[in-house]
Amino acid sequence: MEDAQKIIVDFIQSKASSKSKFYFNDFLPLFPEMKAREVKKIMSELVKTEVLEYWSSGSTTMYGLKGAGKQAAAEHEE
């Protein structure tokens, strides 16, 4: 599972210059041999360990690295 987690984090970091949030379906092509449920478990573990975080628009949930992106900066303003 650690190899899969590294693949996910590396994928997000490789796209960091253009995008900070990703749909769940963006990660499925990284693991063509796995079922969606297995990938979801890996993603959930990364959220649980605070490597990734959920971001919701209200109608859709996305994933991003914890503390990355414009939204993260705005949430910590007072």
PDB file of N, CA and C in Angstrom:
ATOM      1  N   MET A   1       0.822  -1.197   0.000  1.00  0.00           N
ATOM      2  CA  MET A   1       0.000   0.000   0.000  1.00  0.00           C
ATOM      3  C   MET A   1       0.870   1.265   0.000  1.00  0.00           C
ATOM      4  N   GLU A   2       2.046   1.200   0.619  1.00  0.00           N
ATOM      5  CA  GLU A   2       2.920   2.371   0.662  1.00  0.00           C
ATOM      6  C   GLU A   2       3.377   2.776  -0.738  1.00  0.00           C
ATOM      7  N   ASP A   3       3.625   1.790  -1.606  1.00  0.00           N
ATOM      8  CA  ASP A   3       4.007   2.098  -2.986  1.00  0.00           C
ATOM      9  C   ASP A   3       2.876   2.841  -3.691  1.00  0.00           C
ATOM     10  N   ALA A   4       1.655   2.387  -3.475  1.00  0.00           N
ATOM     11  CA  ALA A   4       0.492   3.020  -4.094  1.00  0.00           C
ATOM     12  C   ALA A   4       0.321   4.441  -3.562  1.00  0.00           C
ATOM     13  N   GLN A   5       0.532   4.635  -2.265  1.00  0.00           N
ATOM     14  CA  GLN A   5       0.421   5.975  -1.690  1.00  0.00           C
ATOM     15  C   GLN A   5       1.459   6.905  -2.300  1.00  0.00           C
ATOM     16  N   LYS A   6       2.666   6.400  -2.497  1.00  0.00           N
ATOM     17  CA  LYS A   6       3.729   7.213  -3.094  1.00  0.00           C
ATOM     18  C   LYS A   6       3.376   7.586  -4.535  1.00  0.00           C
ATOM     19  N   ILE A   7       2.794   6.662  -5.272  1.00  0.00           N
ATOM     20  CA  ILE A   7       2.377   6.936  -6.656  1.00  0.00           C
ATOM     21  C   ILE A   7       1.367   8.078  -6.678  1.00  0.00           C
ATOM     22  N   ILE A   8       0.416   8.047  -5.754  1.00  0.00           N
ATOM     23  CA  ILE A   8      -0.617   9.085  -5.689  1.00  0.00           C
ATOM     24  C   ILE A   8       0.000  10.445  -5.360  1.00  0.00           C
ATOM     25  N   VAL A   9       0.842  10.484  -4.337  1.00  0.00           N
ATOM     26  CA  VAL A   9       1.465  11.748  -3.931  1.00  0.00           C
ATOM     27  C   VAL A   9       2.364  12.286  -5.052  1.00  0.00           C
ATOM     28  N   ASP A  10       3.126  11.410  -5.686  1.00  0.00           N
ATOM     29  CA  ASP A  10       3.987  11.831  -6.794  1.00  0.00           C
ATOM     30  C   ASP A  10       3.163  12.395  -7.955  1.00  0.00           C
ATOM     31  N   PHE A  11       2.027  11.761  -8.230  1.00  0.00           N
ATOM     32  CA  PHE A  11       1.137  12.232  -9.295  1.00  0.00           C
ATOM     33  C   PHE A  11       0.642  13.649  -8.990  1.00  0.00           C
ATOM     34  N   ILE A  12       0.191  13.871  -7.761  1.00  0.00           N
ATOM     35  CA  ILE A  12      -0.318  15.197  -7.379  1.00  0.00           C
ATOM     36  C   ILE A  12       0.803  16.235  -7.460  1.00  0.00           C
ATOM     37  N   GLN A  13       1.967  15.882  -6.955  1.00  0.00           N
ATOM     38  CA  GLN A  13       3.088  16.827  -6.986  1.00  0.00           C
ATOM     39  C   GLN A  13       3.519  17.143  -8.412  1.00  0.00           C
ATOM     40  N   SER A  14       3.412  16.182  -9.301  1.00  0.00           N
ATOM     41  CA  SER A  14       3.812  16.421 -10.692  1.00  0.00           C
ATOM     42  C   SER A  14       2.854  17.385 -11.397  1.00  0.00           C
ATOM     43  N   LYS A  15       1.638  17.500 -10.908  1.00  0.00           N
ATOM     44  CA  LYS A  15       0.640  18.386 -11.509  1.00  0.00           C
ATOM     45  C   LYS A  15       0.475  19.687 -10.718  1.00  0.00           C
ATOM     46  N   ALA A  16       1.243  19.866  -9.644  1.00  0.00           N
ATOM     47  CA  ALA A  16       1.055  20.973  -8.700  1.00  0.00           C
ATOM     48  C   ALA A  16       1.149  22.352  -9.343  1.00  0.00           C
ATOM     49  N   SER A  17       1.897  22.487 -10.408  1.00  0.00           N
ATOM     50  CA  SER A  17       2.040  23.806 -11.021  1.00  0.00           C
ATOM     51  C   SER A  17       0.761  24.263 -11.723  1.00  0.00           C
ATOM     52  N   SER A  18      -0.089  23.336 -12.101  1.00  0.00           N
ATOM     53  CA  SER A  18      -1.303  23.711 -12.825  1.00  0.00           C
ATOM     54  C   SER A  18      -2.592  23.428 -12.056  1.00  0.00           C
ATOM     55  N   LYS A  19      -2.526  22.578 -11.043  1.00  0.00           N
ATOM     56  CA  LYS A  19      -3.765  22.137 -10.399  1.00  0.00           C
ATOM     57  C   LYS A  19      -3.463  21.629  -8.996  1.00  0.00           C
ATOM     58  N   SER A  20      -4.358  21.921  -8.039  1.00  0.00           N
ATOM     59  CA  SER A  20      -4.114  21.466  -6.667  1.00  0.00           C
ATOM     60  C   SER A  20      -5.181  20.505  -6.155  1.00  0.00           C
ATOM     61  N   LYS A  21      -6.311  20.412  -6.851  1.00  0.00           N
ATOM     62  CA  LYS A  21      -7.396  19.525  -6.433  1.00  0.00           C
ATOM     63  C   LYS A  21      -7.731  18.562  -7.569  1.00  0.00           C
ATOM     64  N   PHE A  22      -8.041  17.325  -7.202  1.00  0.00           N
ATOM     65  CA  PHE A  22      -8.279  16.279  -8.195  1.00  0.00           C
ATOM     66  C   PHE A  22      -9.532  15.484  -7.855  1.00  0.00           C
ATOM     67  N   TYR A  23     -10.236  15.062  -8.899  1.00  0.00           N
ATOM     68  CA  TYR A  23     -11.373  14.168  -8.732  1.00  0.00           C
ATOM     69  C   TYR A  23     -10.868  12.755  -8.450  1.00  0.00           C
ATOM     70  N   PHE A  24     -11.672  11.971  -7.784  1.00  0.00           N
ATOM     71  CA  PHE A  24     -11.312  10.580  -7.515  1.00  0.00           C
ATOM     72  C   PHE A  24     -10.979   9.856  -8.818  1.00  0.00           C
ATOM     73  N   ASN A  25     -11.764  10.096  -9.853  1.00  0.00           N
ATOM     74  CA  ASN A  25     -11.552   9.410 -11.137  1.00  0.00           C
ATOM     75  C   ASN A  25     -10.206   9.751 -11.778  1.00  0.00           C
ATOM     76  N   ASP A  26      -9.595  10.855 -11.379  1.00  0.00           N
ATOM     77  CA  ASP A  26      -8.264  11.202 -11.900  1.00  0.00           C
ATOM     78  C   ASP A  26      -7.212  10.183 -11.466  1.00  0.00           C
ATOM     79  N   PHE A  27      -7.464   9.494 -10.358  1.00  0.00           N
ATOM     80  CA  PHE A  27      -6.480   8.561  -9.811  1.00  0.00           C
ATOM     81  C   PHE A  27      -6.648   7.124 -10.328  1.00  0.00           C
ATOM     82  N   LEU A  28      -7.793   6.793 -10.845  1.00  0.00           N
ATOM     83  CA  LEU A  28      -8.049   5.417 -11.288  1.00  0.00           C
ATOM     84  C   LEU A  28      -7.105   4.938 -12.393  1.00  0.00           C
ATOM     85  N   PRO A  29      -6.749   5.781 -13.378  1.00  0.00           N
ATOM     86  CA  PRO A  29      -5.812   5.308 -14.417  1.00  0.00           C
ATOM     87  C   PRO A  29      -4.412   4.978 -13.880  1.00  0.00           C
ATOM     88  N   LEU A  30      -4.076   5.470 -12.697  1.00  0.00           N
ATOM     89  CA  LEU A  30      -2.774   5.153 -12.102  1.00  0.00           C
ATOM     90  C   LEU A  30      -2.689   3.688 -11.687  1.00  0.00           C
ATOM     91  N   PHE A  31      -3.863   3.069 -11.474  1.00  0.00           N
ATOM     92  CA  PHE A  31      -3.922   1.691 -10.982  1.00  0.00           C
ATOM     93  C   PHE A  31      -4.909   0.862 -11.812  1.00  0.00           C
ATOM     94  N   PRO A  32      -4.596   0.608 -13.075  1.00  0.00           N
ATOM     95  CA  PRO A  32      -5.552  -0.100 -13.939  1.00  0.00           C
ATOM     96  C   PRO A  32      -5.859  -1.522 -13.461  1.00  0.00           C
ATOM     97  N   GLU A  33      -4.964  -2.112 -12.678  1.00  0.00           N
ATOM     98  CA  GLU A  33      -5.190  -3.476 -12.206  1.00  0.00           C
ATOM     99  C   GLU A  33      -6.054  -3.540 -10.939  1.00  0.00           C
ATOM    100  N   MET A  34      -6.337  -2.383 -10.342  1.00  0.00           N
ATOM    101  CA  MET A  34      -7.126  -2.354  -9.096  1.00  0.00           C
ATOM    102  C   MET A  34      -8.566  -1.950  -9.379  1.00  0.00           C
ATOM    103  N   LYS A  35      -9.450  -2.422  -8.515  1.00  0.00           N
ATOM    104  CA  LYS A  35     -10.840  -1.988  -8.561  1.00  0.00           C
ATOM    105  C   LYS A  35     -10.930  -0.616  -7.885  1.00  0.00           C
ATOM    106  N   ALA A  36     -11.960   0.118  -8.231  1.00  0.00           N
ATOM    107  CA  ALA A  36     -12.137   1.465  -7.687  1.00  0.00           C
ATOM    108  C   ALA A  36     -12.186   1.456  -6.159  1.00  0.00           C
ATOM    109  N   ARG A  37     -12.800   0.441  -5.596  1.00  0.00           N
ATOM    110  CA  ARG A  37     -12.916   0.358  -4.137  1.00  0.00           C
ATOM    111  C   ARG A  37     -11.537   0.259  -3.470  1.00  0.00           C
ATOM    112  N   GLU A  38     -10.631  -0.466  -4.073  1.00  0.00           N
ATOM    113  CA  GLU A  38      -9.277  -0.591  -3.522  1.00  0.00           C
ATOM    114  C   GLU A  38      -8.549   0.753  -3.556  1.00  0.00           C
ATOM    115  N   VAL A  39      -8.717   1.489  -4.653  1.00  0.00           N
ATOM    116  CA  VAL A  39      -8.087   2.806  -4.768  1.00  0.00           C
ATOM    117  C   VAL A  39      -8.697   3.752  -3.725  1.00  0.00           C
ATOM    118  N   LYS A  40      -9.990   3.653  -3.543  1.00  0.00           N
ATOM    119  CA  LYS A  40     -10.682   4.498  -2.557  1.00  0.00           C
ATOM    120  C   LYS A  40     -10.121   4.252  -1.154  1.00  0.00           C
ATOM    121  N   LYS A  41      -9.824   3.007  -0.816  1.00  0.00           N
ATOM    122  CA  LYS A  41      -9.248   2.691   0.499  1.00  0.00           C
ATOM    123  C   LYS A  41      -7.884   3.342   0.673  1.00  0.00           C
ATOM    124  N   ILE A  42      -7.077   3.335  -0.381  1.00  0.00           N
ATOM    125  CA  ILE A  42      -5.758   3.980  -0.326  1.00  0.00           C
ATOM    126  C   ILE A  42      -5.924   5.485  -0.128  1.00  0.00           C
ATOM    127  N   MET A  43      -6.840   6.072  -0.873  1.00  0.00           N
ATOM    128  CA  MET A  43      -7.091   7.517  -0.750  1.00  0.00           C
ATOM    129  C   MET A  43      -7.578   7.867   0.656  1.00  0.00           C
ATOM    130  N   SER A  44      -8.466   7.054   1.183  1.00  0.00           N
ATOM    131  CA  SER A  44      -8.995   7.302   2.529  1.00  0.00           C
ATOM    132  C   SER A  44      -7.895   7.216   3.578  1.00  0.00           C
ATOM    133  N   GLU A  45      -6.976   6.296   3.408  1.00  0.00           N
ATOM    134  CA  GLU A  45      -5.853   6.165   4.336  1.00  0.00           C
ATOM    135  C   GLU A  45      -4.962   7.412   4.277  1.00  0.00           C
ATOM    136  N   LEU A  46      -4.745   7.939   3.094  1.00  0.00           N
ATOM    137  CA  LEU A  46      -3.946   9.155   2.951  1.00  0.00           C
ATOM    138  C   LEU A  46      -4.633  10.353   3.605  1.00  0.00           C
ATOM    139  N   VAL A  47      -5.959  10.395   3.542  1.00  0.00           N
ATOM    140  CA  VAL A  47      -6.702  11.463   4.216  1.00  0.00           C
ATOM    141  C   VAL A  47      -6.606  11.280   5.733  1.00  0.00           C
ATOM    142  N   LYS A  48      -6.750  10.044   6.177  1.00  0.00           N
ATOM    143  CA  LYS A  48      -6.695   9.748   7.606  1.00  0.00           C
ATOM    144  C   LYS A  48      -5.341  10.125   8.215  1.00  0.00           C
ATOM    145  N   THR A  49      -4.267   9.906   7.467  1.00  0.00           N
ATOM    146  CA  THR A  49      -2.927  10.229   7.958  1.00  0.00           C
ATOM    147  C   THR A  49      -2.547  11.683   7.656  1.00  0.00           C
ATOM    148  N   GLU A  50      -3.503  12.449   7.131  1.00  0.00           N
ATOM    149  CA  GLU A  50      -3.362  13.882   6.860  1.00  0.00           C
ATOM    150  C   GLU A  50      -2.306  14.223   5.813  1.00  0.00           C
ATOM    151  N   VAL A  51      -2.076  13.300   4.898  1.00  0.00           N
ATOM    152  CA  VAL A  51      -1.226  13.596   3.741  1.00  0.00           C
ATOM    153  C   VAL A  51      -2.080  14.333   2.709  1.00  0.00           C
ATOM    154  N   LEU A  52      -3.305  13.832   2.511  1.00  0.00           N
ATOM    155  CA  LEU A  52      -4.276  14.459   1.615  1.00  0.00           C
ATOM    156  C   LEU A  52      -5.417  15.022   2.443  1.00  0.00           C
ATOM    157  N   GLU A  53      -6.211  15.876   1.798  1.00  0.00           N
ATOM    158  CA  GLU A  53      -7.424  16.379   2.435  1.00  0.00           C
ATOM    159  C   GLU A  53      -8.554  16.388   1.414  1.00  0.00           C
ATOM    160  N   TYR A  54      -9.770  16.301   1.936  1.00  0.00           N
ATOM    161  CA  TYR A  54     -10.950  16.422   1.087  1.00  0.00           C
ATOM    162  C   TYR A  54     -11.225  17.903   0.863  1.00  0.00           C
ATOM    163  N   TRP A  55     -11.774  18.218  -0.288  1.00  0.00           N
ATOM    164  CA  TRP A  55     -12.279  19.555  -0.550  1.00  0.00           C
ATOM    165  C   TRP A  55     -13.612  19.361  -1.240  1.00  0.00           C
ATOM    166  N   SER A  56     -14.634  20.037  -0.742  1.00  0.00           N
ATOM    167  CA  SER A  56     -15.966  19.857  -1.309  1.00  0.00           C
ATOM    168  C   SER A  56     -16.514  21.176  -1.821  1.00  0.00           C
ATOM    169  N   SER A  57     -17.091  21.126  -2.999  1.00  0.00           N
ATOM    170  CA  SER A  57     -17.744  22.301  -3.570  1.00  0.00           C
ATOM    171  C   SER A  57     -19.223  22.314  -3.184  1.00  0.00           C
ATOM    172  N   GLY A  58     -19.655  21.297  -2.511  1.00  0.00           N
ATOM    173  CA  GLY A  58     -21.062  21.151  -2.172  1.00  0.00           C
ATOM    174  C   GLY A  58     -21.700  20.052  -3.001  1.00  0.00           C
ATOM    175  N   SER A  59     -21.271  19.945  -4.259  1.00  0.00           N
ATOM    176  CA  SER A  59     -21.833  18.901  -5.117  1.00  0.00           C
ATOM    177  C   SER A  59     -20.796  17.852  -5.483  1.00  0.00           C
ATOM    178  N   THR A  60     -19.556  18.157  -5.257  1.00  0.00           N
ATOM    179  CA  THR A  60     -18.482  17.238  -5.643  1.00  0.00           C
ATOM    180  C   THR A  60     -17.381  17.269  -4.603  1.00  0.00           C
ATOM    181  N   THR A  61     -16.737  16.146  -4.404  1.00  0.00           N
ATOM    182  CA  THR A  61     -15.623  16.068  -3.464  1.00  0.00           C
ATOM    183  C   THR A  61     -14.341  15.820  -4.253  1.00  0.00           C
ATOM    184  N   MET A  62     -13.320  16.577  -3.886  1.00  0.00           N
ATOM    185  CA  MET A  62     -12.032  16.449  -4.561  1.00  0.00           C
ATOM    186  C   MET A  62     -10.958  16.173  -3.515  1.00  0.00           C
ATOM    187  N   TYR A  63      -9.791  15.790  -3.989  1.00  0.00           N
ATOM    188  CA  TYR A  63      -8.655  15.498  -3.116  1.00  0.00           C
ATOM    189  C   TYR A  63      -7.508  16.430  -3.462  1.00  0.00           C
ATOM    190  N   GLY A  64      -6.733  16.796  -2.449  1.00  0.00           N
ATOM    191  CA  GLY A  64      -5.537  17.593  -2.670  1.00  0.00           C
ATOM    192  C   GLY A  64      -4.560  17.365  -1.535  1.00  0.00           C
ATOM    193  N   LEU A  65      -3.317  17.761  -1.743  1.00  0.00           N
ATOM    194  CA  LEU A  65      -2.336  17.669  -0.672  1.00  0.00           C
ATOM    195  C   LEU A  65      -2.729  18.621   0.445  1.00  0.00           C
ATOM    196  N   LYS A  66      -2.574  18.191   1.655  1.00  0.00           N
ATOM    197  CA  LYS A  66      -2.955  19.014   2.805  1.00  0.00           C
ATOM    198  C   LYS A  66      -2.174  20.323   2.767  1.00  0.00           C
ATOM    199  N   GLY A  67      -2.896  21.441   2.864  1.00  0.00           N
ATOM    200  CA  GLY A  67      -2.275  22.755   2.896  1.00  0.00           C
ATOM    201  C   GLY A  67      -1.900  23.341   1.555  1.00  0.00           C
ATOM    202  N   ALA A  68      -2.230  22.662   0.469  1.00  0.00           N
ATOM    203  CA  ALA A  68      -1.876  23.155  -0.863  1.00  0.00           C
ATOM    204  C   ALA A  68      -3.053  23.861  -1.528  1.00  0.00           C
ATOM    205  N   GLY A  69      -2.772  24.785  -2.392  1.00  0.00           N
ATOM    206  CA  GLY A  69      -3.806  25.446  -3.179  1.00  0.00           C
ATOM    207  C   GLY A  69      -4.268  26.771  -2.604  1.00  0.00           C
ATOM    208  N   LYS A  70      -5.018  27.500  -3.403  1.00  0.00           N
ATOM    209  CA  LYS A  70      -5.500  28.824  -3.008  1.00  0.00           C
ATOM    210  C   LYS A  70      -6.478  28.749  -1.850  1.00  0.00           C
ATOM    211  N   GLN A  71      -7.337  27.743  -1.847  1.00  0.00           N
ATOM    212  CA  GLN A  71      -8.344  27.600  -0.784  1.00  0.00           C
ATOM    213  C   GLN A  71      -7.698  27.444   0.578  1.00  0.00           C
ATOM    214  N   ALA A  72      -6.608  26.723   0.665  1.00  0.00           N
ATOM    215  CA  ALA A  72      -5.935  26.499   1.939  1.00  0.00           C
ATOM    216  C   ALA A  72      -5.440  27.813   2.532  1.00  0.00           C
ATOM    217  N   ALA A  73      -4.903  28.693   1.706  1.00  0.00           N
ATOM    218  CA  ALA A  73      -4.421  29.979   2.180  1.00  0.00           C
ATOM    219  C   ALA A  73      -5.569  30.845   2.680  1.00  0.00           C
ATOM    220  N   ALA A  74      -6.692  30.816   1.990  1.00  0.00           N
ATOM    221  CA  ALA A  74      -7.856  31.618   2.382  1.00  0.00           C
ATOM    222  C   ALA A  74      -8.479  31.125   3.677  1.00  0.00           C
ATOM    223  N   GLU A  75      -8.442  29.841   3.914  1.00  0.00           N
ATOM    224  CA  GLU A  75      -9.068  29.297   5.112  1.00  0.00           C
ATOM    225  C   GLU A  75      -8.339  29.688   6.387  1.00  0.00           C
ATOM    226  N   HIS A  76      -7.061  30.056   6.280  1.00  0.00           N
ATOM    227  CA  HIS A  76      -6.293  30.404   7.462  1.00  0.00           C
ATOM    228  C   HIS A  76      -6.207  31.906   7.703  1.00  0.00           C
ATOM    229  N   GLU A  77      -6.953  32.689   6.926  1.00  0.00           N
ATOM    230  CA  GLU A  77      -6.987  34.140   7.146  1.00  0.00           C
ATOM    231  C   GLU A  77      -7.932  34.437   8.286  1.00  0.00           C
ATOM    232  N   GLU A  78      -7.659  35.512   8.967  1.00  0.00           N
ATOM    233  CA  GLU A  78      -8.564  35.893  10.072  1.00  0.00           C
ATOM    234  C   GLU A  78      -9.164  37.248   9.831  1.00  0.00           C
TER     235      GLU A  78
END
